[in-house]
Amino acid sequence: MIFPPEFLVFLLAMAPISELRGAIPTGVAIFGLSFWKVFCIAFFGNLIPVALILLFLEPVSKFLRKNSKFFDRFFNWLFEKTRKKVSPKIKNYEKLGLTLFVAIPLPITGGWTGAVAAFLLGLPFKVAFPLITIGVFIAGVIVSILTLSGVAIGEVFGWVTFVLAILVILFFYFLYKLITKK
């Protein structure tokens, strides 16, 4: 391997899609690293882009929007999409809502989206960063419990059985969503 597994876990935690939700299972289940080591690396790796977004999104977006039509359209799209996704969930509960939004390990939630949401809500760094940090920590705990449970189930019943059980659960979940949507 070209890079040490710890570095790859760190990069996964910093990435916008995977964040620590992808880094913890990868570090523990695939690389076989110590849980505590993976948790710490993923936690701090996830917070680095959050701090950078909170500190630099406003000046960078203003500069780029002013000097480029492409970036003006991009930031309009990004901010509008984030407002639609986040506003109803966070506005009513603002600070608690931001923390819970980041804490729930679902797609399009997490530190990155939480930092953009905090920017859009006008929360200053000293307020937003601790709230998002708490949310990332809670998400890390949830993902860790699910990962360690999955590893234990995989060891007892085998990975094929575990994956099939997950697929069956997902199938019934989407079937339920489809039925209740009508």
N, C-alpha and C. Protein backbone atom coordinates (compact mmCIF):
# COMPACT_ATOMS: atom_id res chain seq x y z
N MET A 1 0.85 -1.17 0.00
CA MET A 1 0.00 0.00 0.00
C MET A 1 0.90 1.24 0.00
N ILE A 2 0.56 2.20 -0.85
CA ILE A 2 1.37 3.40 -0.99
C ILE A 2 1.27 4.28 0.24
N PHE A 3 0.04 4.47 0.74
CA PHE A 3 -0.19 5.31 1.91
C PHE A 3 -0.57 4.42 3.10
N PRO A 4 -0.20 4.83 4.29
CA PRO A 4 -0.63 4.06 5.47
C PRO A 4 -2.15 4.12 5.62
N PRO A 5 -2.76 3.07 6.14
CA PRO A 5 -4.22 3.05 6.28
C PRO A 5 -4.75 4.20 7.12
N GLU A 6 -3.98 4.64 8.11
CA GLU A 6 -4.42 5.76 8.95
C GLU A 6 -4.61 7.03 8.12
N PHE A 7 -3.71 7.24 7.17
CA PHE A 7 -3.80 8.42 6.30
C PHE A 7 -5.03 8.32 5.41
N LEU A 8 -5.33 7.14 4.90
CA LEU A 8 -6.51 6.95 4.06
C LEU A 8 -7.80 7.16 4.86
N VAL A 9 -7.82 6.72 6.11
CA VAL A 9 -8.97 6.97 6.99
C VAL A 9 -9.14 8.47 7.19
N PHE A 10 -8.02 9.16 7.40
CA PHE A 10 -8.04 10.61 7.59
C PHE A 10 -8.60 11.31 6.35
N LEU A 11 -8.16 10.90 5.17
CA LEU A 11 -8.65 11.50 3.92
C LEU A 11 -10.14 11.22 3.71
N LEU A 12 -10.57 10.00 4.01
CA LEU A 12 -11.99 9.66 3.90
C LEU A 12 -12.83 10.53 4.83
N ALA A 13 -12.33 10.77 6.03
CA ALA A 13 -13.06 11.60 7.00
C ALA A 13 -13.16 13.04 6.54
N MET A 14 -12.17 13.50 5.78
CA MET A 14 -12.19 14.88 5.28
C MET A 14 -13.06 15.03 4.03
N ALA A 15 -13.32 13.96 3.33
CA ALA A 15 -14.06 14.01 2.06
C ALA A 15 -15.53 14.35 2.30
N PRO A 16 -16.14 15.11 1.37
CA PRO A 16 -17.50 15.59 1.60
C PRO A 16 -18.59 14.51 1.60
N ILE A 17 -18.42 13.44 0.88
CA ILE A 17 -19.48 12.43 0.82
C ILE A 17 -19.31 11.42 1.96
N SER A 18 -18.13 10.91 2.14
CA SER A 18 -17.92 9.85 3.13
C SER A 18 -17.86 10.38 4.54
N GLU A 19 -17.12 11.45 4.77
CA GLU A 19 -16.89 12.00 6.09
C GLU A 19 -16.53 10.86 7.06
N LEU A 20 -16.85 11.02 8.34
CA LEU A 20 -16.48 9.94 9.26
C LEU A 20 -17.42 8.76 9.14
N ARG A 21 -18.55 8.94 8.46
CA ARG A 21 -19.50 7.84 8.23
C ARG A 21 -18.91 6.76 7.34
N GLY A 22 -18.00 7.13 6.49
CA GLY A 22 -17.31 6.15 5.65
C GLY A 22 -15.95 5.78 6.21
N ALA A 23 -15.33 6.72 6.93
CA ALA A 23 -13.98 6.49 7.44
C ALA A 23 -13.94 5.45 8.56
N ILE A 24 -14.90 5.50 9.47
CA ILE A 24 -14.88 4.56 10.60
C ILE A 24 -15.09 3.12 10.14
N PRO A 25 -16.12 2.82 9.33
CA PRO A 25 -16.26 1.42 8.88
C PRO A 25 -15.06 0.96 8.05
N THR A 26 -14.50 1.85 7.24
CA THR A 26 -13.34 1.47 6.42
C THR A 26 -12.15 1.14 7.30
N GLY A 27 -11.88 2.00 8.28
CA GLY A 27 -10.72 1.78 9.15
C GLY A 27 -10.83 0.54 9.99
N VAL A 28 -12.03 0.30 10.54
CA VAL A 28 -12.21 -0.84 11.45
C VAL A 28 -12.42 -2.14 10.67
N ALA A 29 -13.38 -2.15 9.74
CA ALA A 29 -13.77 -3.39 9.07
C ALA A 29 -12.83 -3.78 7.93
N ILE A 30 -12.32 -2.82 7.19
CA ILE A 30 -11.50 -3.16 6.03
C ILE A 30 -10.01 -3.18 6.38
N PHE A 31 -9.54 -2.11 7.06
CA PHE A 31 -8.12 -2.04 7.38
C PHE A 31 -7.77 -2.77 8.68
N GLY A 32 -8.77 -3.08 9.50
CA GLY A 32 -8.52 -3.80 10.75
C GLY A 32 -7.77 -2.99 11.80
N LEU A 33 -7.91 -1.68 11.75
CA LEU A 33 -7.24 -0.82 12.72
C LEU A 33 -8.00 -0.81 14.04
N SER A 34 -7.32 -0.39 15.08
CA SER A 34 -7.93 -0.25 16.39
C SER A 34 -9.09 0.73 16.34
N PHE A 35 -10.19 0.38 17.00
CA PHE A 35 -11.37 1.23 16.99
C PHE A 35 -11.05 2.64 17.48
N TRP A 36 -10.37 2.76 18.62
CA TRP A 36 -10.11 4.08 19.20
C TRP A 36 -9.23 4.92 18.30
N LYS A 37 -8.27 4.30 17.67
CA LYS A 37 -7.39 5.01 16.75
C LYS A 37 -8.20 5.55 15.57
N VAL A 38 -9.04 4.69 15.01
CA VAL A 38 -9.87 5.08 13.87
C VAL A 38 -10.84 6.19 14.27
N PHE A 39 -11.47 6.06 15.41
CA PHE A 39 -12.43 7.06 15.86
C PHE A 39 -11.77 8.43 15.98
N CYS A 40 -10.61 8.49 16.62
CA CYS A 40 -9.90 9.77 16.80
C CYS A 40 -9.47 10.36 15.47
N ILE A 41 -8.90 9.54 14.60
CA ILE A 41 -8.45 10.03 13.29
C ILE A 41 -9.65 10.55 12.48
N ALA A 42 -10.73 9.78 12.47
CA ALA A 42 -11.91 10.17 11.69
C ALA A 42 -12.57 11.43 12.27
N PHE A 43 -12.65 11.50 13.58
CA PHE A 43 -13.26 12.66 14.23
C PHE A 43 -12.52 13.95 13.88
N PHE A 44 -11.23 13.95 14.09
CA PHE A 44 -10.46 15.16 13.80
C PHE A 44 -10.35 15.43 12.30
N GLY A 45 -10.29 14.37 11.51
CA GLY A 45 -10.27 14.55 10.06
C GLY A 45 -11.55 15.17 9.55
N ASN A 46 -12.68 14.84 10.15
CA ASN A 46 -13.97 15.39 9.74
C ASN A 46 -14.10 16.87 10.15
N LEU A 47 -13.42 17.26 11.22
CA LEU A 47 -13.54 18.64 11.70
C LEU A 47 -12.69 19.64 10.92
N ILE A 48 -11.65 19.19 10.26
CA ILE A 48 -10.78 20.11 9.52
C ILE A 48 -11.54 20.84 8.41
N PRO A 49 -12.25 20.14 7.51
CA PRO A 49 -12.98 20.88 6.49
C PRO A 49 -14.11 21.73 7.07
N VAL A 50 -14.69 21.30 8.19
CA VAL A 50 -15.75 22.09 8.83
C VAL A 50 -15.19 23.45 9.23
N ALA A 51 -14.04 23.45 9.89
CA ALA A 51 -13.41 24.72 10.30
C ALA A 51 -13.08 25.58 9.09
N LEU A 52 -12.54 24.96 8.05
CA LEU A 52 -12.18 25.72 6.85
C LEU A 52 -13.42 26.32 6.17
N ILE A 53 -14.50 25.55 6.10
CA ILE A 53 -15.74 26.06 5.50
C ILE A 53 -16.28 27.22 6.31
N LEU A 54 -16.32 27.06 7.62
CA LEU A 54 -16.86 28.12 8.47
C LEU A 54 -16.02 29.40 8.40
N LEU A 55 -14.71 29.24 8.27
CA LEU A 55 -13.83 30.41 8.24
C LEU A 55 -13.75 31.08 6.87
N PHE A 56 -13.79 30.27 5.80
CA PHE A 56 -13.46 30.83 4.48
C PHE A 56 -14.57 30.79 3.44
N LEU A 57 -15.72 30.18 3.72
CA LEU A 57 -16.76 30.09 2.70
C LEU A 57 -17.27 31.47 2.30
N GLU A 58 -17.49 32.31 3.26
CA GLU A 58 -18.03 33.64 2.92
C GLU A 58 -17.07 34.46 2.06
N PRO A 59 -15.81 34.67 2.48
CA PRO A 59 -14.95 35.51 1.63
C PRO A 59 -14.65 34.87 0.28
N VAL A 60 -14.47 33.56 0.24
CA VAL A 60 -14.16 32.89 -1.03
C VAL A 60 -15.37 32.93 -1.96
N SER A 61 -16.56 32.64 -1.44
CA SER A 61 -17.75 32.65 -2.30
C SER A 61 -18.04 34.06 -2.81
N LYS A 62 -17.86 35.07 -1.97
CA LYS A 62 -18.08 36.45 -2.42
C LYS A 62 -17.12 36.82 -3.55
N PHE A 63 -15.86 36.47 -3.37
CA PHE A 63 -14.85 36.78 -4.40
C PHE A 63 -15.16 36.05 -5.70
N LEU A 64 -15.43 34.75 -5.61
CA LEU A 64 -15.69 33.96 -6.82
C LEU A 64 -16.98 34.38 -7.51
N ARG A 65 -18.02 34.67 -6.74
CA ARG A 65 -19.29 35.09 -7.34
C ARG A 65 -19.14 36.43 -8.06
N LYS A 66 -18.33 37.28 -7.50
CA LYS A 66 -18.12 38.60 -8.09
C LYS A 66 -17.33 38.51 -9.40
N ASN A 67 -16.43 37.54 -9.50
CA ASN A 67 -15.51 37.47 -10.63
C ASN A 67 -15.81 36.38 -11.65
N SER A 68 -16.85 35.58 -11.43
CA SER A 68 -17.12 34.47 -12.35
C SER A 68 -18.62 34.15 -12.38
N LYS A 69 -19.18 34.15 -13.59
CA LYS A 69 -20.59 33.79 -13.73
C LYS A 69 -20.81 32.32 -13.38
N PHE A 70 -19.83 31.48 -13.74
CA PHE A 70 -19.94 30.05 -13.42
C PHE A 70 -20.06 29.86 -11.91
N PHE A 71 -19.16 30.48 -11.15
CA PHE A 71 -19.20 30.32 -9.69
C PHE A 71 -20.41 31.01 -9.08
N ASP A 72 -20.87 32.08 -9.68
CA ASP A 72 -22.09 32.73 -9.20
C ASP A 72 -23.27 31.76 -9.32
N ARG A 73 -23.39 31.08 -10.46
CA ARG A 73 -24.46 30.08 -10.64
C ARG A 73 -24.25 28.89 -9.69
N PHE A 74 -22.99 28.45 -9.57
CA PHE A 74 -22.70 27.31 -8.70
C PHE A 74 -23.10 27.61 -7.26
N PHE A 75 -22.68 28.75 -6.73
CA PHE A 75 -23.00 29.07 -5.34
C PHE A 75 -24.48 29.32 -5.15
N ASN A 76 -25.15 29.91 -6.13
CA ASN A 76 -26.62 30.05 -6.05
C ASN A 76 -27.27 28.68 -5.94
N TRP A 77 -26.83 27.74 -6.78
CA TRP A 77 -27.37 26.37 -6.75
C TRP A 77 -27.08 25.70 -5.41
N LEU A 78 -25.82 25.78 -4.97
CA LEU A 78 -25.42 25.13 -3.72
C LEU A 78 -26.18 25.69 -2.53
N PHE A 79 -26.25 27.00 -2.44
CA PHE A 79 -26.90 27.62 -1.28
C PHE A 79 -28.41 27.38 -1.30
N GLU A 80 -29.01 27.40 -2.48
CA GLU A 80 -30.45 27.16 -2.58
C GLU A 80 -30.78 25.71 -2.20
N LYS A 81 -29.98 24.78 -2.71
CA LYS A 81 -30.19 23.37 -2.40
C LYS A 81 -30.02 23.12 -0.90
N THR A 82 -29.01 23.72 -0.32
CA THR A 82 -28.78 23.55 1.12
C THR A 82 -29.90 24.18 1.93
N ARG A 83 -30.34 25.37 1.53
CA ARG A 83 -31.46 26.02 2.24
C ARG A 83 -32.70 25.13 2.24
N LYS A 84 -33.03 24.55 1.07
CA LYS A 84 -34.23 23.70 0.97
C LYS A 84 -34.10 22.47 1.85
N LYS A 85 -32.92 21.88 1.88
CA LYS A 85 -32.70 20.65 2.64
C LYS A 85 -32.65 20.93 4.13
N VAL A 86 -32.05 22.04 4.50
CA VAL A 86 -31.72 22.29 5.89
C VAL A 86 -32.71 23.19 6.61
N SER A 87 -33.19 24.21 5.96
CA SER A 87 -34.00 25.23 6.63
C SER A 87 -35.15 24.68 7.46
N PRO A 88 -36.01 23.82 6.90
CA PRO A 88 -37.13 23.35 7.72
C PRO A 88 -36.67 22.56 8.95
N LYS A 89 -35.55 21.87 8.83
CA LYS A 89 -35.09 21.02 9.92
C LYS A 89 -34.38 21.81 11.01
N ILE A 90 -33.69 22.86 10.61
CA ILE A 90 -32.86 23.59 11.56
C ILE A 90 -33.53 24.86 12.08
N LYS A 91 -34.26 25.55 11.23
CA LYS A 91 -34.77 26.87 11.61
C LYS A 91 -35.58 26.85 12.90
N ASN A 92 -36.44 25.86 13.08
CA ASN A 92 -37.29 25.82 14.27
C ASN A 92 -36.49 25.64 15.56
N TYR A 93 -35.41 24.89 15.46
CA TYR A 93 -34.64 24.56 16.66
C TYR A 93 -33.24 25.15 16.63
N GLU A 94 -32.91 25.90 15.61
CA GLU A 94 -31.62 26.50 15.31
C GLU A 94 -30.42 25.73 15.86
N LYS A 95 -29.99 26.00 17.09
CA LYS A 95 -28.74 25.42 17.59
C LYS A 95 -28.87 23.92 17.80
N LEU A 96 -29.91 23.49 18.47
CA LEU A 96 -30.13 22.05 18.67
C LEU A 96 -30.36 21.37 17.32
N GLY A 97 -31.09 22.04 16.45
CA GLY A 97 -31.37 21.49 15.12
C GLY A 97 -30.11 21.28 14.32
N LEU A 98 -29.17 22.23 14.38
CA LEU A 98 -27.90 22.09 13.67
C LEU A 98 -27.13 20.90 14.20
N THR A 99 -27.04 20.77 15.50
CA THR A 99 -26.32 19.64 16.11
C THR A 99 -26.94 18.31 15.70
N LEU A 100 -28.26 18.21 15.80
CA LEU A 100 -28.93 16.96 15.45
C LEU A 100 -28.84 16.66 13.96
N PHE A 101 -28.91 17.70 13.13
CA PHE A 101 -28.78 17.52 11.68
C PHE A 101 -27.42 16.90 11.34
N VAL A 102 -26.37 17.38 11.98
CA VAL A 102 -25.03 16.85 11.74
C VAL A 102 -24.90 15.46 12.35
N ALA A 103 -25.55 15.22 13.49
CA ALA A 103 -25.38 13.97 14.23
C ALA A 103 -26.03 12.76 13.56
N ILE A 104 -27.11 12.98 12.83
CA ILE A 104 -27.83 11.85 12.24
C ILE A 104 -27.06 11.38 11.01
N PRO A 105 -26.55 10.16 11.05
CA PRO A 105 -25.71 9.68 9.94
C PRO A 105 -26.51 9.21 8.72
N LEU A 106 -27.05 10.17 7.99
CA LEU A 106 -27.77 9.89 6.76
C LEU A 106 -27.09 10.62 5.61
N PRO A 107 -27.41 10.24 4.37
CA PRO A 107 -26.84 10.98 3.23
C PRO A 107 -27.26 12.46 3.27
N ILE A 108 -26.40 13.32 2.86
CA ILE A 108 -26.60 14.76 2.79
C ILE A 108 -26.74 15.39 4.18
N THR A 109 -26.28 14.73 5.20
CA THR A 109 -26.14 15.36 6.51
C THR A 109 -24.68 15.21 6.88
N GLY A 110 -24.25 15.89 7.90
CA GLY A 110 -22.87 15.77 8.32
C GLY A 110 -22.21 17.12 8.47
N GLY A 111 -20.92 17.07 8.73
CA GLY A 111 -20.17 18.28 9.01
C GLY A 111 -20.13 19.28 7.87
N TRP A 112 -19.91 18.79 6.64
CA TRP A 112 -19.84 19.69 5.49
C TRP A 112 -21.15 20.45 5.32
N THR A 113 -22.25 19.73 5.24
CA THR A 113 -23.56 20.37 5.04
C THR A 113 -23.92 21.23 6.25
N GLY A 114 -23.59 20.75 7.43
CA GLY A 114 -23.84 21.53 8.63
C GLY A 114 -23.09 22.86 8.64
N ALA A 115 -21.85 22.84 8.15
CA ALA A 115 -21.06 24.08 8.09
C ALA A 115 -21.66 25.06 7.08
N VAL A 116 -22.09 24.56 5.92
CA VAL A 116 -22.73 25.43 4.93
C VAL A 116 -24.05 25.96 5.51
N ALA A 117 -24.80 25.11 6.20
CA ALA A 117 -26.07 25.54 6.80
C ALA A 117 -25.81 26.62 7.86
N ALA A 118 -24.79 26.45 8.67
CA ALA A 118 -24.47 27.45 9.69
C ALA A 118 -24.11 28.78 9.04
N PHE A 119 -23.38 28.73 7.94
CA PHE A 119 -23.05 29.93 7.18
C PHE A 119 -24.33 30.60 6.68
N LEU A 120 -25.22 29.81 6.10
CA LEU A 120 -26.47 30.36 5.55
C LEU A 120 -27.38 30.92 6.64
N LEU A 121 -27.31 30.34 7.83
CA LEU A 121 -28.11 30.84 8.95
C LEU A 121 -27.46 32.03 9.65
N GLY A 122 -26.23 32.35 9.24
CA GLY A 122 -25.53 33.50 9.82
C GLY A 122 -24.94 33.23 11.19
N LEU A 123 -24.72 31.95 11.52
CA LEU A 123 -24.13 31.63 12.83
C LEU A 123 -22.62 31.90 12.79
N PRO A 124 -22.11 32.61 13.77
CA PRO A 124 -20.66 32.87 13.79
C PRO A 124 -19.87 31.59 14.12
N PHE A 125 -18.60 31.60 13.77
CA PHE A 125 -17.72 30.45 13.98
C PHE A 125 -17.77 29.97 15.42
N LYS A 126 -17.68 30.89 16.38
CA LYS A 126 -17.61 30.50 17.79
C LYS A 126 -18.89 29.82 18.29
N VAL A 127 -19.99 29.99 17.57
CA VAL A 127 -21.24 29.30 17.91
C VAL A 127 -21.36 28.01 17.10
N ALA A 128 -21.12 28.12 15.78
CA ALA A 128 -21.34 26.99 14.87
C ALA A 128 -20.35 25.85 15.09
N PHE A 129 -19.08 26.16 15.26
CA PHE A 129 -18.08 25.09 15.35
C PHE A 129 -18.31 24.14 16.53
N PRO A 130 -18.57 24.65 17.74
CA PRO A 130 -18.85 23.71 18.84
C PRO A 130 -20.10 22.86 18.60
N LEU A 131 -21.15 23.47 18.02
CA LEU A 131 -22.39 22.72 17.75
C LEU A 131 -22.14 21.60 16.74
N ILE A 132 -21.40 21.92 15.68
CA ILE A 132 -21.09 20.92 14.66
C ILE A 132 -20.15 19.86 15.23
N THR A 133 -19.21 20.26 16.07
CA THR A 133 -18.29 19.30 16.71
C THR A 133 -19.07 18.29 17.54
N ILE A 134 -20.04 18.75 18.30
CA ILE A 134 -20.88 17.84 19.09
C ILE A 134 -21.64 16.89 18.16
N GLY A 135 -22.19 17.44 17.07
CA GLY A 135 -22.91 16.61 16.10
C GLY A 135 -22.02 15.56 15.47
N VAL A 136 -20.79 15.95 15.10
CA VAL A 136 -19.84 14.99 14.51
C VAL A 136 -19.50 13.91 15.53
N PHE A 137 -19.32 14.29 16.79
CA PHE A 137 -19.01 13.30 17.82
C PHE A 137 -20.16 12.30 17.98
N ILE A 138 -21.39 12.80 18.04
CA ILE A 138 -22.56 11.91 18.17
C ILE A 138 -22.65 10.99 16.95
N ALA A 139 -22.45 11.54 15.75
CA ALA A 139 -22.48 10.72 14.54
C ALA A 139 -21.40 9.65 14.61
N GLY A 140 -20.23 10.02 15.11
CA GLY A 140 -19.14 9.05 15.27
C GLY A 140 -19.51 7.91 16.20
N VAL A 141 -20.19 8.24 17.28
CA VAL A 141 -20.63 7.20 18.23
C VAL A 141 -21.65 6.28 17.56
N ILE A 142 -22.62 6.86 16.86
CA ILE A 142 -23.64 6.05 16.18
C ILE A 142 -23.00 5.14 15.13
N VAL A 143 -22.15 5.71 14.30
CA VAL A 143 -21.50 4.93 13.24
C VAL A 143 -20.60 3.85 13.86
N SER A 144 -19.94 4.18 14.95
CA SER A 144 -19.08 3.20 15.62
C SER A 144 -19.88 2.01 16.15
N ILE A 145 -21.02 2.31 16.78
CA ILE A 145 -21.88 1.23 17.30
C ILE A 145 -22.35 0.34 16.15
N LEU A 146 -22.80 0.97 15.05
CA LEU A 146 -23.25 0.19 13.90
C LEU A 146 -22.10 -0.62 13.29
N THR A 147 -20.92 -0.01 13.20
CA THR A 147 -19.77 -0.70 12.62
C THR A 147 -19.35 -1.89 13.47
N LEU A 148 -19.20 -1.66 14.76
CA LEU A 148 -18.77 -2.76 15.65
C LEU A 148 -19.83 -3.85 15.72
N SER A 149 -21.10 -3.46 15.66
CA SER A 149 -22.18 -4.47 15.63
C SER A 149 -22.10 -5.27 14.34
N GLY A 150 -21.89 -4.57 13.23
CA GLY A 150 -21.77 -5.25 11.94
C GLY A 150 -20.60 -6.20 11.89
N VAL A 151 -19.46 -5.78 12.44
CA VAL A 151 -18.28 -6.65 12.47
C VAL A 151 -18.57 -7.88 13.32
N ALA A 152 -19.20 -7.70 14.47
CA ALA A 152 -19.53 -8.85 15.34
C ALA A 152 -20.50 -9.79 14.66
N ILE A 153 -21.53 -9.25 14.02
CA ILE A 153 -22.49 -10.09 13.30
C ILE A 153 -21.81 -10.81 12.15
N GLY A 154 -20.95 -10.09 11.45
CA GLY A 154 -20.22 -10.69 10.33
C GLY A 154 -19.33 -11.83 10.77
N GLU A 155 -18.71 -11.70 11.95
CA GLU A 155 -17.85 -12.77 12.46
C GLU A 155 -18.67 -13.99 12.89
N VAL A 156 -19.84 -13.76 13.45
CA VAL A 156 -20.67 -14.87 13.94
C VAL A 156 -21.39 -15.56 12.79
N PHE A 157 -22.05 -14.79 11.93
CA PHE A 157 -22.90 -15.37 10.89
C PHE A 157 -22.27 -15.37 9.51
N GLY A 158 -21.17 -14.70 9.35
CA GLY A 158 -20.53 -14.60 8.04
C GLY A 158 -20.95 -13.32 7.33
N TRP A 159 -20.07 -12.79 6.52
CA TRP A 159 -20.33 -11.52 5.85
C TRP A 159 -21.43 -11.62 4.80
N VAL A 160 -21.55 -12.76 4.15
CA VAL A 160 -22.59 -12.90 3.14
C VAL A 160 -23.97 -12.79 3.79
N THR A 161 -24.15 -13.46 4.91
CA THR A 161 -25.42 -13.40 5.64
C THR A 161 -25.68 -11.98 6.11
N PHE A 162 -24.65 -11.33 6.61
CA PHE A 162 -24.80 -9.96 7.10
C PHE A 162 -25.23 -9.02 5.97
N VAL A 163 -24.56 -9.10 4.82
CA VAL A 163 -24.90 -8.25 3.68
C VAL A 163 -26.31 -8.54 3.18
N LEU A 164 -26.68 -9.82 3.10
CA LEU A 164 -28.03 -10.17 2.68
C LEU A 164 -29.08 -9.63 3.65
N ALA A 165 -28.80 -9.69 4.94
CA ALA A 165 -29.74 -9.15 5.93
C ALA A 165 -29.91 -7.64 5.74
N ILE A 166 -28.83 -6.93 5.50
CA ILE A 166 -28.89 -5.49 5.24
C ILE A 166 -29.72 -5.21 3.99
N LEU A 167 -29.49 -5.98 2.93
CA LEU A 167 -30.23 -5.78 1.69
C LEU A 167 -31.73 -6.04 1.89
N VAL A 168 -32.08 -7.06 2.66
CA VAL A 168 -33.49 -7.35 2.94
C VAL A 168 -34.11 -6.20 3.73
N ILE A 169 -33.41 -5.70 4.73
CA ILE A 169 -33.91 -4.57 5.52
C ILE A 169 -34.12 -3.35 4.63
N LEU A 170 -33.15 -3.05 3.77
CA LEU A 170 -33.28 -1.92 2.85
C LEU A 170 -34.44 -2.10 1.89
N PHE A 171 -34.62 -3.31 1.40
CA PHE A 171 -35.73 -3.60 0.49
C PHE A 171 -37.07 -3.28 1.17
N PHE A 172 -37.25 -3.77 2.39
CA PHE A 172 -38.51 -3.54 3.09
C PHE A 172 -38.67 -2.07 3.48
N TYR A 173 -37.59 -1.40 3.77
CA TYR A 173 -37.66 0.03 4.07
C TYR A 173 -38.15 0.82 2.85
N PHE A 174 -37.55 0.56 1.69
CA PHE A 174 -37.95 1.27 0.48
C PHE A 174 -39.37 0.87 0.04
N LEU A 175 -39.73 -0.37 0.26
CA LEU A 175 -41.10 -0.80 -0.04
C LEU A 175 -42.09 -0.06 0.86
N TYR A 176 -41.77 0.05 2.14
CA TYR A 176 -42.60 0.81 3.06
C TYR A 176 -42.72 2.27 2.63
N LYS A 177 -41.61 2.88 2.26
CA LYS A 177 -41.62 4.28 1.79
C LYS A 177 -42.49 4.43 0.54
N LEU A 178 -42.39 3.48 -0.36
CA LEU A 178 -43.16 3.53 -1.59
C LEU A 178 -44.66 3.42 -1.30
N ILE A 179 -45.02 2.52 -0.40
CA ILE A 179 -46.44 2.31 -0.05
C ILE A 179 -47.00 3.52 0.69
N THR A 180 -46.25 4.07 1.64
CA THR A 180 -46.76 5.20 2.43
C THR A 180 -46.73 6.51 1.67
N LYS A 181 -46.00 6.57 0.58
CA LYS A 181 -45.93 7.79 -0.22
C LYS A 181 -47.25 8.04 -0.95
N LYS A 182 -47.92 6.98 -1.33
CA LYS A 182 -49.20 7.10 -2.06
C LYS A 182 -50.27 7.38 -1.10
